[in-house]
Structures are given as structure tokens and as C-alpha cells.
Protein backbone atom coordinates (compact mmCIF):
# COMPACT_ATOMS: atom_id res chain seq x y z
CA MET A 1 116.20 103.29 73.69
CA THR A 2 119.13 102.87 71.37
CA LEU A 3 119.76 100.12 68.86
CA ILE A 4 122.93 98.18 69.72
CA ASN A 5 124.92 95.42 68.09
CA SER A 6 125.32 92.48 70.42
CA ASP A 7 125.75 88.79 71.00
CA MET A 8 122.80 87.98 73.24
CA PRO A 9 122.76 85.19 75.82
CA TYR A 10 121.14 81.96 74.73
CA CYS A 11 118.89 79.77 76.84
CA SER A 12 116.49 77.70 74.73
CA HIS A 13 113.52 77.91 77.13
CA SER A 14 113.94 80.44 79.89
CA PHE A 15 111.19 80.77 82.50
CA ASN A 16 112.66 83.92 84.01
CA GLN A 17 115.32 86.43 82.99
CA PHE A 18 117.17 89.06 85.00
CA VAL A 19 119.60 91.75 83.79
CA VAL A 20 121.94 94.02 85.77
CA ASN A 21 124.86 96.22 84.72
CA ASP A 22 127.71 98.00 86.43
CA GLY A 23 128.44 100.54 83.69
CA SER A 24 131.14 98.40 82.03
CA ASN A 25 129.56 94.95 82.07
CA VAL A 26 126.07 93.54 81.58
CA TYR A 27 125.03 90.36 83.44
CA PHE A 28 122.12 88.08 82.54
CA LEU A 29 120.63 85.32 84.70
CA ASP A 30 118.31 82.84 82.95
CA HIS A 31 116.22 80.04 84.49
CA GLY A 32 116.28 77.36 81.80
CA ASP A 33 114.67 73.93 81.57
CA ALA A 34 116.41 72.59 78.45
CA TYR A 35 119.62 73.85 76.82
CA ASP A 36 121.04 74.70 79.26
CA ARG A 37 119.02 73.21 82.11
CA GLY A 38 119.80 75.30 85.19
CA LEU A 39 120.53 78.87 86.25
CA ILE A 40 122.70 80.33 83.50
CA LEU A 41 124.86 83.36 84.34
CA SER A 42 126.18 85.23 81.29
CA SER A 43 128.49 88.23 81.33
CA PHE A 44 129.10 90.74 78.56
CA SER A 45 131.48 93.65 78.19
CA ALA A 46 129.97 96.93 77.03
CA SER A 47 131.85 99.45 74.89
CA SER A 48 131.18 103.17 74.46
CA ASP A 49 129.99 102.62 70.86
CA GLY A 50 127.03 100.55 72.14
CA HIS A 51 128.41 97.11 71.27
CA ILE A 52 128.34 94.35 73.88
CA ALA A 53 130.28 91.12 73.50
CA GLN A 54 129.85 87.92 75.50
CA ARG A 55 132.66 87.18 77.91
CA SER A 56 131.33 84.03 79.58
CA ALA A 57 128.30 81.84 80.24
CA VAL A 58 128.21 79.40 83.16
CA ASN A 59 125.53 77.04 84.44
CA ILE A 60 125.84 78.05 88.11
CA PHE A 61 123.04 75.78 89.39
CA PRO A 62 122.30 72.73 87.18
CA PHE A 63 118.86 71.10 87.56
CA MET A 64 118.23 67.37 87.79
CA GLY A 65 115.92 65.78 85.23
CA PRO A 66 115.79 65.51 81.44
CA ALA A 67 116.14 68.50 79.11
CA GLY A 68 112.79 70.12 78.48
CA GLN A 69 111.05 68.80 81.60
CA ASN A 70 109.18 71.90 82.79
CA TYR A 71 109.51 71.06 86.48
CA THR A 72 112.91 72.33 87.66
CA GLY A 73 112.35 72.41 91.42
CA CYS A 74 113.65 75.97 91.51
CA GLN A 75 112.24 79.46 91.80
CA VAL A 76 114.32 82.61 91.28
CA THR A 77 112.93 85.87 92.64
CA GLY A 78 115.82 88.33 92.47
CA PHE A 79 119.20 89.18 90.94
CA SER A 80 121.29 92.21 91.86
CA LEU A 81 124.72 93.76 91.97
CA ALA A 82 126.08 94.38 95.49
CA GLY A 83 129.44 96.12 95.31
CA ASP A 84 131.64 93.86 93.18
CA ASN A 85 129.39 90.82 93.73
CA LEU A 86 126.38 89.43 91.93
CA ILE A 87 123.69 87.97 94.16
CA THR A 88 120.54 86.03 93.40
CA VAL A 89 117.59 85.06 95.56
CA GLY A 90 115.47 81.97 95.19
CA ARG A 91 114.78 78.50 96.45
CA SER A 92 115.05 74.94 95.24
CA GLY A 93 113.17 71.78 96.20
CA LEU A 94 109.76 73.38 95.77
CA GLU A 95 106.97 71.66 97.63
CA GLY A 96 103.59 70.83 96.13
CA SER A 97 104.86 69.50 92.81
CA ASP A 98 105.46 65.87 91.99
CA HIS A 99 108.49 66.01 89.69
CA ARG A 100 108.37 62.25 89.09
CA LYS A 101 105.41 62.54 86.68
């Protein structure tokens, strides 16, 4: 491992995190229930000196409900790079939980 200088992605309460890289960019996917509430995709550029800088952060799948409510109705089980595309695997509308409580 090598110490790097970086701006890291922020998700105030992330239930699950995924990281992939393509050699030039690093991508993070966070499953957040508060700030932000949803699936947050962040991209960073990586330089040869070990510094990464945030390029963007987008809530690609916002969740219904108030910030901080633990029930999100979503489960993410995978995140990968396929050619020039990022793909994620999961489901929403989970059964067996009463989100109205």
C-alpha cells in the first residue's frame, strides 16, 4: 500500500461501498441513507504521482423517505467496469420490510 493525497467521496452514512478503477480513473459507488440518500456514483482522476482528484458525484438512484431513515428499499450486490461502461447489480422494492414504520 502507498499513502496518497486525495479528496475522498463523501456519503454521510453508507451501508455499502464499491470501488473500481480503469488505470486513469477511480469510481466509487455508495449506498447512502442520509446525505446523500441514494446510490451515489463518484469519479476521480488519478495522476502518476499518486494524487486523485474528484471529477464528479451524482445521485444516480435517489431513495424515497426522509434523510437518515435506515430503510432504503434497495440492495446493491455488485459494481464493475465492463469496457467503457460502469455497471451495478441490485434490486429495489425489497419485500419483507415495512418502510412505513
